[in-house]
Amino acid sequence: MNIVIYIAVMAGVTYLIRMLPLTLFRKKIKSRFLRSFLQYIPYTVLSAMTFPAIFYSTGNVITAAVGTIAALITAFFGLPLIVVAVAAAGAALAAGLFI
C-alpha cells in the first residue's frame, strides 16, 4: 500500500511542476533579463547533471579529464557526435593504459 502512496505523490509533484508555470505566467514575459535568464536554464541544468557524471565515470579523475578534453577539442572543430564520443572514449582508454 505504501508504494501506491509514493507513486501518487510523485505523480502529483511531477504534474504540479509542469502545470504551475503554465497557470501562473499567462502573459508574455517582457523583461529581457528574465527571458535571457530562463533561456539558459536548460543548458545549466544539463551541465550540472552531466559534468559530475563524466568525472566519476571511469573511476579515475585523470582519465576522465583526458577524455573530456578530447571531447571538447573534437567538438570545438565541429566533428560529428559519434566522432566526439569515440575520441573521448579512446582518449580515456589510452590514458587508463598509461596511468
Protein backbone atom coordinates (compact mmCIF):
# COMPACT_ATOMS: atom_id res chain seq x y z
CA MET A 1 0.00 0.00 0.00
CA ASN A 2 2.90 2.36 0.67
CA ILE A 3 4.12 2.03 -2.92
CA VAL A 4 0.79 3.33 -4.22
CA ILE A 5 1.07 6.40 -1.99
CA TYR A 6 4.65 7.01 -3.16
CA ILE A 7 3.64 6.78 -6.81
CA ALA A 8 0.66 9.09 -6.26
CA VAL A 9 2.84 11.70 -4.53
CA MET A 10 5.47 11.52 -7.29
CA ALA A 11 2.77 11.88 -9.95
CA GLY A 12 1.27 14.87 -8.13
CA VAL A 13 4.62 16.62 -7.74
CA THR A 14 5.54 15.98 -11.37
CA TYR A 15 2.18 17.34 -12.52
CA LEU A 16 2.46 20.44 -10.34
CA ILE A 17 5.95 21.25 -11.60
CA ARG A 18 4.67 21.25 -15.17
CA MET A 19 1.28 22.83 -14.53
CA LEU A 20 2.13 25.75 -12.23
CA PRO A 21 4.29 27.77 -14.66
CA LEU A 22 1.56 27.49 -17.30
CA THR A 23 -1.08 28.81 -14.95
CA LEU A 24 0.99 31.47 -13.18
CA PHE A 25 2.64 33.03 -16.23
CA ARG A 26 -0.14 33.56 -18.74
CA LYS A 27 1.24 36.80 -20.14
CA LYS A 28 4.38 37.02 -22.20
CA ILE A 29 7.46 37.80 -20.10
CA LYS A 30 8.66 41.24 -21.22
CA SER A 31 11.79 41.58 -19.11
CA ARG A 32 14.82 40.99 -21.33
CA PHE A 33 16.91 39.96 -18.32
CA LEU A 34 14.39 37.36 -17.12
CA ARG A 35 13.86 35.99 -20.63
CA SER A 36 17.59 35.58 -21.21
CA PHE A 37 17.96 34.03 -17.74
CA LEU A 38 15.22 31.49 -18.45
CA GLN A 39 16.71 30.73 -21.85
CA TYR A 40 19.95 29.44 -20.29
CA ILE A 41 18.38 27.27 -17.58
CA PRO A 42 18.19 24.04 -19.67
CA TYR A 43 21.90 24.27 -20.56
CA THR A 44 22.81 24.96 -16.94
CA VAL A 45 20.82 22.05 -15.58
CA LEU A 46 22.18 19.69 -18.23
CA SER A 47 25.74 20.75 -17.42
CA ALA A 48 25.17 20.38 -13.69
CA MET A 49 23.93 16.83 -14.19
CA THR A 50 26.47 15.79 -16.82
CA PHE A 51 29.85 17.02 -15.59
CA PRO A 52 29.89 15.20 -12.22
CA ALA A 53 28.89 12.01 -14.02
CA ILE A 54 31.71 12.49 -16.51
CA PHE A 55 34.41 12.86 -13.88
CA TYR A 56 33.26 9.85 -11.85
CA SER A 57 32.54 7.57 -14.80
CA THR A 58 35.96 5.96 -15.17
CA GLY A 59 36.88 5.67 -11.52
CA ASN A 60 39.91 7.86 -12.12
CA VAL A 61 39.57 11.63 -12.40
CA ILE A 62 42.69 11.95 -14.58
CA THR A 63 41.45 9.57 -17.29
CA ALA A 64 38.04 11.23 -17.20
CA ALA A 65 39.65 14.65 -17.60
CA VAL A 66 41.69 13.41 -20.57
CA GLY A 67 38.52 12.07 -22.20
CA THR A 68 36.68 15.31 -21.51
CA ILE A 69 39.48 17.38 -23.03
CA ALA A 70 39.49 15.16 -26.11
CA ALA A 71 35.72 15.55 -26.43
CA LEU A 72 35.90 19.32 -26.06
CA ILE A 73 38.64 19.62 -28.69
CA THR A 74 36.86 17.43 -31.24
CA ALA A 75 33.53 19.17 -30.59
CA PHE A 76 35.20 22.57 -31.00
CA PHE A 77 36.19 21.62 -34.54
CA GLY A 78 32.59 20.68 -35.35
CA LEU A 79 33.09 16.97 -35.81
CA PRO A 80 30.04 14.66 -35.65
CA LEU A 81 28.82 13.41 -32.29
CA ILE A 82 29.93 9.82 -32.94
CA VAL A 83 33.48 11.04 -33.61
CA VAL A 84 33.45 13.10 -30.42
CA ALA A 85 32.23 10.11 -28.39
CA VAL A 86 34.77 7.70 -29.89
CA ALA A 87 37.61 10.20 -29.42
CA ALA A 88 36.67 10.77 -25.78
CA ALA A 89 36.38 7.05 -25.06
CA GLY A 90 39.62 6.31 -26.88
CA ALA A 91 41.50 9.03 -25.07
CA ALA A 92 40.19 7.90 -21.69
CA LEU A 93 41.13 4.30 -22.51
CA ALA A 94 44.61 5.29 -23.68
CA ALA A 95 45.13 7.40 -20.56
CA GLY A 96 43.99 4.49 -18.42
CA LEU A 97 46.55 2.20 -20.03
CA PHE A 98 49.40 4.59 -19.28
CA ILE A 99 48.34 5.61 -15.77
